[in-house]
N, C-alpha and C. Protein backbone atom coordinates (compact mmCIF):
# COMPACT_ATOMS: atom_id res chain seq x y z
N UNK A 1 0.82 -1.14 -0.17
CA UNK A 1 0.21 -0.12 0.34
C UNK A 1 0.80 1.59 0.31
N UNK A 2 0.50 1.85 -0.95
CA UNK A 2 1.34 3.73 -0.87
C UNK A 2 0.84 3.97 0.54
N UNK A 3 2.10 4.57 0.75
CA UNK A 3 2.10 5.83 1.88
C UNK A 3 1.19 7.22 1.39
N UNK A 4 0.79 8.30 2.48
CA UNK A 4 0.27 9.16 2.62
C UNK A 4 0.53 10.03 1.55
N UNK A 5 2.07 10.62 1.97
CA UNK A 5 3.03 11.35 0.89
C UNK A 5 3.33 10.99 -0.68
N UNK A 6 3.26 9.85 -0.41
CA UNK A 6 3.47 9.26 -2.12
C UNK A 6 1.70 9.54 -3.08
N UNK A 7 0.73 8.94 -2.27
CA UNK A 7 -0.81 9.25 -3.04
C UNK A 7 -0.62 10.71 -2.81
N UNK A 8 -0.33 12.16 -2.73
CA UNK A 8 -0.63 12.75 -2.93
C UNK A 8 0.37 13.36 -4.17
N UNK A 9 1.48 12.61 -4.32
CA UNK A 9 2.32 13.14 -5.08
C UNK A 9 1.68 12.29 -6.43
N UNK A 10 1.32 10.86 -5.97
CA UNK A 10 0.46 9.95 -7.40
C UNK A 10 -0.59 11.33 -8.07
N UNK A 11 -0.96 11.96 -6.42
CA UNK A 11 -2.68 12.90 -7.46
C UNK A 11 -2.46 14.23 -7.97
N UNK A 12 -0.77 14.72 -8.29
CA UNK A 12 -0.50 14.98 -8.39
C UNK A 12 0.60 14.59 -10.00
N UNK A 13 0.60 13.73 -10.12
CA UNK A 13 0.77 13.04 -10.75
C UNK A 13 -0.13 12.83 -11.85
N UNK A 14 -0.98 12.41 -11.66
CA UNK A 14 -2.42 12.14 -12.26
C UNK A 14 -2.49 13.42 -13.21
N UNK A 15 -2.62 14.76 -11.85
CA UNK A 15 -3.29 15.88 -12.95
C UNK A 15 -1.68 16.35 -13.55
N UNK A 16 -0.44 16.26 -12.96
CA UNK A 16 0.53 16.37 -14.44
C UNK A 16 -0.04 15.83 -15.58
N UNK A 17 -0.29 14.29 -15.65
CA UNK A 17 -0.21 13.53 -16.60
C UNK A 17 -1.72 14.17 -17.73
N UNK A 18 -2.78 13.91 -16.89
CA UNK A 18 -4.35 14.65 -17.60
C UNK A 18 -3.34 15.73 -18.26
N UNK A 19 -2.54 16.31 -18.26
CA UNK A 19 -1.93 17.72 -19.27
C UNK A 19 -1.17 17.84 -20.12
N UNK A 20 -1.19 16.34 -19.98
CA UNK A 20 0.44 15.52 -21.07
C UNK A 20 1.15 16.25 -21.01
N UNK A 21 1.84 15.61 -19.40
CA UNK A 21 3.42 15.46 -19.06
C UNK A 21 4.07 14.36 -19.36
N UNK A 22 4.79 13.96 -20.41
CA UNK A 22 5.80 13.11 -20.20
C UNK A 22 6.03 12.16 -19.41
N UNK A 23 6.59 13.71 -18.51
CA UNK A 23 7.45 13.32 -17.18
C UNK A 23 6.95 12.71 -16.22
N UNK A 24 5.79 13.10 -16.01
CA UNK A 24 4.41 12.36 -15.36
C UNK A 24 4.24 10.64 -15.59
N UNK A 25 3.66 11.22 -16.98
CA UNK A 25 3.80 9.36 -17.34
C UNK A 25 4.89 8.67 -17.05
N UNK A 26 6.37 8.05 -16.96
CA UNK A 26 7.31 7.91 -17.04
C UNK A 26 7.76 7.68 -15.92
N UNK A 27 7.75 8.50 -15.07
CA UNK A 27 7.95 8.46 -13.50
C UNK A 27 6.54 7.19 -12.74
N UNK A 28 5.57 7.14 -13.68
CA UNK A 28 4.16 6.15 -13.53
C UNK A 28 4.53 4.74 -13.68
N UNK A 29 5.09 5.07 -15.40
CA UNK A 29 5.07 4.14 -15.47
C UNK A 29 6.44 3.61 -14.89
N UNK A 30 7.45 4.06 -14.79
CA UNK A 30 8.68 2.54 -13.94
C UNK A 30 8.45 2.69 -12.22
N UNK A 31 7.44 3.10 -12.05
CA UNK A 31 7.34 3.05 -10.70
C UNK A 31 6.25 1.22 -10.95
N UNK A 32 5.54 1.35 -11.48
CA UNK A 32 4.34 0.43 -11.79
C UNK A 32 4.78 -0.82 -12.49
N UNK A 33 5.36 -0.55 -13.27
CA UNK A 33 5.87 -1.27 -14.68
C UNK A 33 5.97 -2.80 -14.45
N UNK A 34 7.29 -3.13 -13.65
CA UNK A 34 7.35 -4.09 -12.68
C UNK A 34 6.65 -5.53 -12.03
N UNK A 35 5.74 -4.46 -11.74
CA UNK A 35 4.59 -4.95 -10.69
C UNK A 35 3.57 -5.47 -11.86
N UNK A 36 3.22 -4.23 -12.55
CA UNK A 36 2.22 -5.00 -13.80
C UNK A 36 2.52 -6.58 -13.76
N UNK A 37 4.23 -6.31 -14.52
CA UNK A 37 5.20 -7.53 -15.21
C UNK A 37 4.32 -8.51 -14.44
N UNK A 38 5.06 -8.26 -13.16
CA UNK A 38 5.09 -9.81 -13.10
C UNK A 38 3.27 -10.02 -12.31
N UNK A 39 2.57 -9.41 -12.19
CA UNK A 39 1.38 -9.94 -12.07
C UNK A 39 0.48 -10.37 -13.74
N UNK A 40 0.74 -9.81 -14.40
CA UNK A 40 0.13 -10.48 -15.69
C UNK A 40 1.53 -12.33 -15.54
N UNK A 41 2.57 -12.17 -15.45
CA UNK A 41 3.15 -13.51 -15.51
C UNK A 41 3.04 -14.10 -14.60
N UNK A 42 2.32 -14.08 -13.68
CA UNK A 42 1.53 -15.38 -12.52
C UNK A 42 0.56 -15.46 -13.43
N UNK A 43 -0.52 -14.40 -14.67
CA UNK A 43 -1.79 -14.94 -14.74
C UNK A 43 -1.84 -15.74 -16.24
N UNK A 44 -0.17 -15.30 -16.91
CA UNK A 44 -0.77 -16.06 -18.44
C UNK A 44 0.21 -17.24 -18.44
N UNK A 45 1.64 -16.92 -17.39
CA UNK A 45 2.51 -18.71 -17.71
C UNK A 45 3.33 -18.25 -18.77
N UNK A 46 3.64 -16.60 -18.90
CA UNK A 46 4.11 -16.73 -20.63
C UNK A 46 4.83 -14.90 -21.06
N UNK A 47 6.27 -15.02 -20.92
CA UNK A 47 6.97 -13.46 -20.34
C UNK A 47 6.77 -12.86 -22.06
N UNK A 48 6.27 -13.08 -22.70
CA UNK A 48 5.92 -12.97 -23.96
C UNK A 48 4.09 -11.70 -23.93
N UNK A 49 3.77 -12.34 -23.56
CA UNK A 49 2.33 -11.88 -23.54
C UNK A 49 2.01 -11.28 -22.29
N UNK A 50 3.27 -11.48 -21.21
CA UNK A 50 2.80 -9.85 -19.69
C UNK A 50 3.65 -8.71 -19.94
N UNK A 51 4.08 -8.83 -21.36
CA UNK A 51 5.16 -8.11 -22.20
C UNK A 51 3.95 -7.26 -22.96
N UNK A 52 3.78 -7.77 -23.44
CA UNK A 52 2.38 -7.41 -24.53
C UNK A 52 0.82 -6.97 -23.12
N UNK A 53 0.85 -7.35 -22.00
CA UNK A 53 -0.63 -6.89 -21.10
C UNK A 53 0.13 -6.26 -20.77
N UNK A 54 1.48 -5.67 -20.42
CA UNK A 54 1.69 -4.19 -19.85
C UNK A 54 1.83 -3.51 -21.08
N UNK A 55 2.22 -3.51 -22.19
CA UNK A 55 2.59 -2.69 -22.78
C UNK A 55 0.29 -1.67 -23.07
N UNK A 56 0.11 -3.20 -23.30
CA UNK A 56 -1.52 -2.20 -23.36
C UNK A 56 -2.29 -1.74 -22.25
N UNK A 57 -1.64 -1.78 -20.89
CA UNK A 57 -2.05 -0.92 -20.01
C UNK A 57 -1.73 0.50 -19.83
N UNK A 58 -0.77 0.16 -20.07
CA UNK A 58 -0.02 1.91 -20.38
C UNK A 58 0.05 2.15 -21.72
N UNK A 59 -0.82 1.55 -23.17
CA UNK A 59 -1.72 2.70 -23.78
C UNK A 59 -2.65 3.50 -22.97
N UNK A 60 -3.86 2.51 -22.58
CA UNK A 60 -4.93 2.93 -22.38
C UNK A 60 -4.60 3.99 -21.54
N UNK A 61 -3.63 3.74 -20.53
CA UNK A 61 -3.20 5.06 -19.24
C UNK A 61 -3.14 6.32 -19.65
N UNK A 62 -2.12 6.62 -20.86
CA UNK A 62 -2.17 7.34 -21.66
C UNK A 62 -3.20 7.64 -22.29
N UNK A 63 -3.80 6.77 -22.86
CA UNK A 63 -5.39 7.31 -23.66
C UNK A 63 -6.59 7.73 -22.68
N UNK A 64 -5.98 7.33 -21.40
CA UNK A 64 -7.62 7.77 -21.13
C UNK A 64 -6.92 8.75 -19.58
N UNK A 65 -5.51 9.39 -19.85
CA UNK A 65 -5.24 10.58 -18.94
C UNK A 65 -5.51 11.64 -18.71
N UNK A 66 -6.30 12.35 -19.55
CA UNK A 66 -7.49 13.43 -19.59
C UNK A 66 -8.73 13.19 -18.50
N UNK A 67 -8.58 11.69 -17.94
CA UNK A 67 -9.87 11.34 -17.08
C UNK A 67 -9.65 11.05 -16.04
N UNK A 68 -8.02 10.33 -15.36
CA UNK A 68 -8.02 9.77 -13.77
C UNK A 68 -7.15 10.84 -12.65
N UNK A 69 -7.56 12.29 -13.68
CA UNK A 69 -6.74 13.28 -12.45
C UNK A 69 -7.45 13.42 -11.13
N UNK A 70 -8.88 12.15 -11.28
CA UNK A 70 -9.73 12.49 -9.81
C UNK A 70 -10.44 11.06 -9.21
N UNK A 71 -9.05 10.18 -10.01
CA UNK A 71 -8.76 8.87 -9.73
C UNK A 71 -8.47 8.62 -7.59
N UNK A 72 -9.18 7.86 -7.35
CA UNK A 72 -8.73 7.33 -5.76
C UNK A 72 -7.15 6.79 -5.75
N UNK A 73 -7.26 5.51 -6.74
CA UNK A 73 -6.07 4.85 -6.17
C UNK A 73 -5.53 4.31 -8.28
N UNK A 74 -4.12 5.23 -8.34
CA UNK A 74 -4.16 4.67 -9.35
C UNK A 74 -2.97 4.02 -9.10
N UNK A 75 -3.38 2.74 -8.13
CA UNK A 75 -2.63 1.01 -7.77
C UNK A 75 -3.22 0.57 -8.35
N UNK A 76 -4.83 0.19 -7.34
CA UNK A 76 -6.29 0.05 -7.98
C UNK A 76 -6.85 0.04 -9.56
N UNK A 77 -6.82 0.80 -10.44
CA UNK A 77 -6.67 1.18 -11.51
C UNK A 77 -6.24 0.39 -12.43
N UNK A 78 -5.12 0.41 -12.04
CA UNK A 78 -3.20 -0.13 -12.91
C UNK A 78 -3.98 -2.40 -12.28
N UNK A 79 -4.00 -2.58 -11.60
CA UNK A 79 -4.14 -3.69 -11.37
C UNK A 79 -5.70 -3.67 -12.00
N UNK A 80 -7.06 -3.16 -11.72
CA UNK A 80 -8.59 -4.04 -13.12
C UNK A 80 -7.97 -3.32 -13.90
N UNK A 81 -7.79 -2.61 -14.60
CA UNK A 81 -6.97 -3.00 -16.17
C UNK A 81 -6.34 -3.98 -16.65
N UNK A 82 -5.46 -4.29 -15.38
CA UNK A 82 -4.45 -5.12 -15.86
C UNK A 82 -5.05 -7.05 -15.65
N UNK A 83 -5.47 -7.24 -14.69
CA UNK A 83 -6.13 -8.35 -14.67
C UNK A 83 -7.11 -8.53 -16.41
N UNK A 84 -8.08 -7.76 -16.06
CA UNK A 84 -8.90 -7.42 -16.77
C UNK A 84 -7.79 -8.15 -18.61
N UNK A 85 -7.33 -7.07 -18.75
CA UNK A 85 -6.65 -7.38 -19.88
C UNK A 85 -6.26 -9.19 -20.53
N UNK A 86 -5.95 -9.67 -18.44
CA UNK A 86 -5.20 -9.89 -18.79
C UNK A 86 -6.21 -11.74 -18.63
N UNK A 87 -6.90 -11.53 -18.16
CA UNK A 87 -8.39 -12.52 -18.92
C UNK A 87 -8.71 -13.06 -20.38
N UNK A 88 -8.82 -10.95 -20.48
CA UNK A 88 -9.23 -11.39 -22.20
C UNK A 88 -7.98 -12.15 -22.81
N UNK A 89 -7.26 -11.91 -22.76
CA UNK A 89 -5.92 -12.73 -23.37
C UNK A 89 -6.25 -14.65 -23.36
N UNK A 90 -6.93 -14.58 -22.33
CA UNK A 90 -7.01 -15.85 -21.91
C UNK A 90 -8.07 -16.48 -22.87
N UNK A 91 -9.19 -15.69 -22.71
CA UNK A 91 -10.30 -15.93 -23.25
C UNK A 91 -9.88 -16.15 -25.16
N UNK A 92 -9.08 -15.12 -25.39
CA UNK A 92 -8.46 -15.30 -27.01
C UNK A 92 -7.76 -16.60 -26.92
N UNK A 93 -6.98 -16.99 -25.87
CA UNK A 93 -6.31 -17.99 -26.23
C UNK A 93 -7.12 -19.21 -26.60
N UNK A 94 -8.37 -19.68 -25.26
CA UNK A 94 -8.31 -20.18 -24.82
C UNK A 94 -9.82 -20.22 -26.34
N UNK A 95 -9.95 -19.73 -27.61
CA UNK A 95 -10.57 -19.42 -27.97
C UNK A 95 -9.77 -20.28 -29.59
N UNK A 96 -10.20 -19.82 -29.21
CA UNK A 96 -8.05 -20.01 -30.27
C UNK A 96 -7.52 -21.30 -30.56
N UNK A 97 -7.27 -22.52 -29.58
CA UNK A 97 -6.85 -23.03 -29.29
C UNK A 97 -8.48 -23.66 -30.29
N UNK A 98 -9.47 -23.85 -29.38
CA UNK A 98 -10.50 -24.74 -30.22
C UNK A 98 -10.90 -24.72 -30.92
N UNK A 99 -10.55 -23.53 -32.06
CA UNK A 99 -10.21 -23.64 -33.47
C UNK A 99 -9.20 -24.21 -34.62
N UNK A 100 -8.54 -24.07 -33.83
CA UNK A 100 -7.27 -24.92 -33.42
C UNK A 100 -7.21 -26.15 -35.01
N UNK A 101 -8.81 -27.35 -33.96
CA UNK A 101 -9.05 -28.49 -34.60
C UNK A 101 -9.80 -28.13 -35.86
N UNK A 102 -10.24 -27.58 -36.20
CA UNK A 102 -10.78 -26.98 -37.49
C UNK A 102 -10.43 -27.14 -38.38
N UNK A 103 -9.06 -26.85 -38.83
CA UNK A 103 -8.37 -26.96 -39.68
C UNK A 103 -8.72 -28.31 -40.60
N UNK A 104 -8.59 -28.77 -42.02
CA UNK A 104 -8.13 -29.75 -42.66
C UNK A 104 -6.90 -30.22 -42.96
N UNK A 105 -6.46 -31.31 -42.32
CA UNK A 105 -5.70 -32.38 -42.54
C UNK A 105 -5.52 -32.72 -43.99
N UNK A 106 -4.13 -32.77 -44.47
CA UNK A 106 -4.37 -33.55 -45.59
C UNK A 106 -5.23 -34.94 -45.93
N UNK A 107 -4.95 -36.02 -44.04
CA UNK A 107 -5.37 -36.85 -44.24
C UNK A 107 -7.43 -37.15 -44.17
N UNK A 108 -7.45 -35.18 -43.97
CA UNK A 108 -9.09 -35.05 -43.72
C UNK A 108 -9.56 -34.97 -45.19
N UNK A 109 -8.83 -34.99 -46.35
CA UNK A 109 -9.02 -35.51 -47.67
C UNK A 109 -8.91 -35.92 -49.01
N UNK A 110 -8.42 -37.28 -48.39
CA UNK A 110 -8.59 -39.33 -48.73
C UNK A 110 -10.08 -39.75 -48.26
N UNK A 111 -10.68 -38.54 -48.97
CA UNK A 111 -12.14 -39.02 -48.40
C UNK A 111 -12.98 -40.03 -50.03
N UNK A 112 -12.92 -40.01 -50.48
CA UNK A 112 -12.76 -40.61 -52.20
C UNK A 112 -11.39 -40.65 -53.86
N UNK A 113 -11.82 -41.94 -53.56
CA UNK A 113 -10.84 -42.46 -54.79
C UNK A 113 -12.00 -42.09 -55.88
N UNK A 114 -11.44 -40.49 -56.66
CA UNK A 114 -12.27 -39.60 -57.22
C UNK A 114 -11.32 -39.31 -58.48
N UNK A 115 -11.58 -39.63 -59.29
CA UNK A 115 -10.52 -38.55 -60.61
C UNK A 115 -10.42 -37.05 -59.72
N UNK A 116 -11.74 -36.50 -59.73
CA UNK A 116 -12.19 -35.29 -59.20
C UNK A 116 -11.40 -35.13 -58.45
N UNK A 117 -11.88 -35.61 -57.84
CA UNK A 117 -11.23 -35.53 -55.74
C UNK A 117 -9.40 -35.12 -56.20
N UNK A 118 -9.32 -36.21 -56.85
CA UNK A 118 -7.86 -36.65 -56.62
C UNK A 118 -6.92 -35.33 -57.59
N UNK A 119 -7.47 -34.26 -58.34
CA UNK A 119 -7.08 -33.48 -58.72
C UNK A 119 -7.45 -32.70 -57.28
N UNK A 120 -8.35 -32.42 -57.06
CA UNK A 120 -8.39 -30.98 -56.09
C UNK A 120 -7.60 -31.34 -54.55
N UNK A 121 -7.38 -33.17 -54.13
CA UNK A 121 -6.22 -33.45 -52.88
C UNK A 121 -5.24 -33.04 -53.46
N UNK A 122 -4.34 -33.13 -54.97
CA UNK A 122 -2.76 -32.64 -55.60
C UNK A 122 -2.91 -31.49 -55.33
N UNK A 123 -4.06 -30.63 -55.35
CA UNK A 123 -3.76 -29.20 -55.61
C UNK A 123 -3.58 -28.56 -54.34
N UNK A 124 -4.65 -28.94 -53.47
CA UNK A 124 -4.58 -28.69 -52.22
C UNK A 124 -3.48 -28.46 -51.59
N UNK A 125 -2.24 -30.03 -52.05
CA UNK A 125 -1.53 -30.79 -50.89
C UNK A 125 0.15 -29.81 -51.56
N UNK A 126 -0.40 -29.45 -52.52
CA UNK A 126 0.65 -28.40 -53.62
C UNK A 126 0.92 -27.03 -52.92
N UNK A 127 -0.35 -26.94 -53.10
CA UNK A 127 -1.04 -25.30 -52.23
C UNK A 127 -0.49 -25.34 -50.97
N UNK A 128 -0.73 -26.45 -50.27
CA UNK A 128 -0.16 -26.48 -48.97
C UNK A 128 0.59 -26.42 -48.56
N UNK A 129 2.27 -27.44 -49.41
CA UNK A 129 3.69 -27.15 -49.06
C UNK A 129 4.47 -25.80 -49.06
N UNK A 130 3.48 -25.52 -50.16
CA UNK A 130 4.08 -23.75 -50.45
C UNK A 130 3.67 -22.78 -49.63
N UNK A 131 2.50 -22.55 -48.84
CA UNK A 131 2.53 -21.98 -47.83
C UNK A 131 2.68 -22.83 -47.01
N UNK A 132 3.34 -23.88 -46.42
CA UNK A 132 4.36 -23.96 -45.40
C UNK A 132 5.49 -23.46 -45.29
N UNK A 133 5.32 -23.74 -46.65
CA UNK A 133 6.92 -22.55 -46.84
C UNK A 133 7.49 -21.91 -46.29
N UNK A 134 6.12 -21.08 -46.64
CA UNK A 134 6.56 -19.28 -46.94
C UNK A 134 6.78 -18.49 -45.75
N UNK A 135 5.32 -19.93 -44.32
CA UNK A 135 5.99 -19.88 -42.48
C UNK A 135 6.87 -18.74 -42.22
N UNK A 136 7.42 -18.52 -41.39
CA UNK A 136 8.59 -18.14 -40.37
C UNK A 136 9.49 -18.93 -39.84
N UNK A 137 10.52 -19.60 -39.26
CA UNK A 137 10.74 -21.19 -39.36
C UNK A 137 10.83 -21.58 -37.54
N UNK A 138 10.16 -20.46 -37.19
CA UNK A 138 9.18 -20.70 -35.50
C UNK A 138 8.10 -21.74 -36.07
N UNK A 139 6.90 -20.81 -36.54
CA UNK A 139 6.15 -20.70 -37.44
C UNK A 139 6.11 -22.39 -37.71
N UNK A 140 6.94 -22.36 -38.97
CA UNK A 140 7.96 -23.96 -39.62
C UNK A 140 7.16 -24.75 -38.45
N UNK A 141 8.31 -25.37 -38.07
CA UNK A 141 8.75 -26.49 -37.02
C UNK A 141 7.46 -25.93 -36.11
N UNK A 142 6.52 -25.23 -35.38
CA UNK A 142 5.96 -25.70 -34.52
C UNK A 142 4.88 -26.39 -35.64
N UNK A 143 4.61 -26.03 -36.60
CA UNK A 143 2.79 -26.21 -36.89
C UNK A 143 3.64 -27.91 -37.49
N UNK A 144 4.71 -28.28 -37.76
CA UNK A 144 5.24 -29.46 -38.50
C UNK A 144 5.18 -30.71 -37.09
N UNK A 145 5.63 -29.80 -36.13
CA UNK A 145 5.80 -30.97 -34.61
C UNK A 145 4.19 -31.04 -34.37
N UNK A 146 2.90 -30.62 -34.58
CA UNK A 146 1.81 -30.41 -33.74
C UNK A 146 1.27 -30.76 -34.77
N UNK A 147 0.89 -30.36 -36.24
CA UNK A 147 0.07 -31.00 -37.20
C UNK A 147 0.55 -31.61 -38.04
N UNK A 148 1.58 -32.16 -37.45
CA UNK A 148 2.37 -33.59 -39.43
C UNK A 148 2.46 -34.71 -37.91
N UNK A 149 2.99 -33.89 -37.33
CA UNK A 149 3.51 -35.21 -36.45
C UNK A 149 3.27 -35.82 -35.35
N UNK A 150 1.86 -34.79 -34.78
CA UNK A 150 0.80 -35.56 -33.81
C UNK A 150 1.95 -34.86 -32.21
N UNK A 151 2.41 -34.11 -32.25
CA UNK A 151 2.74 -33.70 -30.80
C UNK A 151 1.82 -33.03 -30.21
N UNK A 152 1.87 -32.87 -28.52
CA UNK A 152 0.58 -32.69 -28.37
C UNK A 152 1.76 -30.83 -28.15
N UNK A 153 0.84 -29.57 -27.31
CA UNK A 153 1.43 -28.35 -27.54
C UNK A 153 3.15 -28.67 -26.05
N UNK A 154 1.96 -29.24 -25.13
CA UNK A 154 2.67 -29.73 -24.66
C UNK A 154 4.58 -30.30 -24.64
N UNK A 155 4.32 -31.17 -25.42
CA UNK A 155 5.95 -31.79 -25.97
C UNK A 155 6.18 -30.91 -26.63
N UNK A 156 5.55 -29.60 -27.54
CA UNK A 156 6.28 -29.46 -28.79
C UNK A 156 6.79 -28.70 -27.68
N UNK A 157 6.22 -27.10 -26.60
CA UNK A 157 6.94 -27.03 -25.74
C UNK A 157 8.60 -27.52 -24.89
N UNK A 158 7.81 -28.46 -24.60
CA UNK A 158 9.40 -28.99 -23.56
C UNK A 158 9.94 -29.29 -24.33
N UNK A 159 10.30 -29.36 -26.04
CA UNK A 159 11.92 -29.72 -27.03
C UNK A 159 12.05 -28.37 -27.51
N UNK A 160 11.00 -27.66 -27.72
CA UNK A 160 11.69 -26.32 -27.90
C UNK A 160 11.64 -25.61 -26.80
N UNK A 161 11.59 -25.75 -26.34
CA UNK A 161 12.59 -24.85 -24.45
C UNK A 161 11.13 -23.81 -24.67
N UNK A 162 10.37 -23.76 -25.03
CA UNK A 162 9.25 -22.61 -24.95
C UNK A 162 8.11 -22.57 -24.61
N UNK A 163 7.20 -22.00 -23.98
CA UNK A 163 5.25 -22.01 -23.46
C UNK A 163 4.85 -22.30 -24.19
N UNK A 164 3.73 -23.31 -23.20
CA UNK A 164 2.85 -23.49 -24.95
C UNK A 164 2.24 -22.84 -24.67
N UNK A 165 1.95 -21.87 -24.60
CA UNK A 165 1.52 -20.50 -25.20
C UNK A 165 2.39 -20.37 -26.41
N UNK A 166 3.62 -20.04 -26.53
CA UNK A 166 3.99 -19.35 -27.02
C UNK A 166 4.01 -20.12 -28.53
N UNK A 167 3.24 -21.63 -28.40
CA UNK A 167 4.13 -23.10 -29.19
C UNK A 167 2.35 -22.88 -29.55
N UNK A 168 1.59 -21.75 -28.81
CA UNK A 168 -0.35 -21.56 -29.19
C UNK A 168 -0.55 -20.11 -30.18
N UNK A 169 0.86 -19.34 -30.13
CA UNK A 169 0.91 -18.13 -30.60
C UNK A 169 0.68 -19.05 -31.68
N UNK A 170 2.67 -19.51 -32.41
CA UNK A 170 3.05 -19.98 -33.59
C UNK A 170 2.27 -20.75 -34.02
N UNK A 171 1.59 -21.73 -33.36
CA UNK A 171 0.96 -22.46 -35.16
C UNK A 171 -0.69 -21.57 -34.99
N UNK A 172 -1.11 -20.60 -34.15
CA UNK A 172 -2.57 -20.01 -34.39
C UNK A 172 -2.09 -19.57 -35.88
N UNK A 173 -1.06 -18.33 -35.88
CA UNK A 173 -0.26 -16.92 -36.97
C UNK A 173 0.27 -18.39 -38.47
N UNK A 174 0.36 -19.78 -37.80
CA UNK A 174 0.78 -20.50 -38.40
C UNK A 174 -0.62 -20.69 -40.05
N UNK A 175 -2.00 -21.15 -39.18
CA UNK A 175 -3.09 -21.61 -39.33
C UNK A 175 -3.13 -20.15 -40.62
N UNK A 176 -3.05 -18.93 -39.23
CA UNK A 176 -3.89 -18.16 -40.32
C UNK A 176 -2.97 -17.68 -41.88
N UNK A 177 -1.49 -18.01 -41.56
CA UNK A 177 -1.15 -17.53 -42.67
C UNK A 177 -1.30 -18.73 -43.64
N UNK A 178 -1.39 -19.57 -43.64
CA UNK A 178 -1.55 -20.63 -44.25
C UNK A 178 -3.13 -20.57 -44.79
N UNK A 179 -4.13 -20.04 -44.32
CA UNK A 179 -5.79 -20.11 -44.15
C UNK A 179 -5.51 -18.60 -46.25
N UNK A 180 -4.75 -17.56 -45.91
CA UNK A 180 -4.63 -16.38 -45.98
C UNK A 180 -4.26 -16.60 -47.48
N UNK A 181 -2.73 -17.43 -47.87
CA UNK A 181 -1.96 -18.14 -49.00
C UNK A 181 -2.78 -18.88 -49.90
N UNK A 182 -3.92 -20.24 -49.27
CA UNK A 182 -4.76 -20.89 -50.09
C UNK A 182 -6.12 -20.21 -50.38
N UNK A 183 -6.80 -18.95 -49.62
CA UNK A 183 -7.64 -18.27 -49.66
C UNK A 183 -7.08 -17.04 -51.06
N UNK A 184 -5.44 -16.77 -50.69
CA UNK A 184 -5.67 -15.72 -52.52
C UNK A 184 -4.99 -16.14 -53.11
N UNK A 185 -4.49 -18.06 -52.61
CA UNK A 185 -4.09 -18.87 -54.07
C UNK A 185 -6.01 -19.19 -54.63
N UNK A 186 -6.60 -18.85 -54.34
CA UNK A 186 -8.13 -19.17 -54.80
C UNK A 186 -8.60 -20.54 -54.89
N UNK A 187 -8.48 -21.60 -53.74
CA UNK A 187 -8.38 -22.64 -53.11
C UNK A 187 -10.19 -22.48 -52.18
N UNK A 188 -10.85 -23.21 -52.08
CA UNK A 188 -11.48 -22.64 -51.55
C UNK A 188 -11.59 -23.17 -50.33
N UNK A 189 -12.30 -23.82 -48.73
CA UNK A 189 -11.57 -25.10 -47.79
C UNK A 189 -12.85 -25.22 -47.62
N UNK A 190 -13.68 -24.66 -47.85
CA UNK A 190 -15.00 -25.13 -47.27
C UNK A 190 -14.94 -26.51 -48.02
N UNK A 191 -14.92 -26.93 -49.57
CA UNK A 191 -15.11 -27.90 -49.75
C UNK A 191 -14.49 -29.41 -49.92
N UNK A 192 -14.00 -29.50 -48.09
CA UNK A 192 -13.27 -30.47 -47.67
C UNK A 192 -13.87 -30.88 -46.29
N UNK A 193 -15.28 -30.40 -46.06
CA UNK A 193 -16.72 -30.32 -45.01
C UNK A 193 -17.21 -31.00 -45.34
């Protein structure tokens, strides 16, 4: 908890910041960034996502600076914004994990051995391989380990020495890039469902 003398300084800092003082903003940032990072890291278990939350929280602070000069406790406001950003991030991750399984694999394409289907399958496989070759090294490695080698997120995280959330991030971005490439190539994914 902040001491009373610091609270008076906090009020003054908020007032200065509401008048566009970048010095007051920098002082508040330096004072609170480590705590916000720790809370975010504890909730998200990902240094990368925790850093993003810190940036989001301070962007919100700057954009709302005109409204905050009457704030009772900046520390409480920062905690609430941090918690809400973390919860939003967790919901986003849960949604992305849920939708990862909605992407057709090459095996799903071999439904019937019809000449027309084989042509589409071959086209899809060629485009799919080209799309994979356009991924970043991290995205390609994670995609191949999860989708082609059938490893779990945890197994990939252990092998690559990264967090499961980072595995998810690379996989989601890889899937987005592959979908985008296939769409731009004129290939319709819905024909395989």
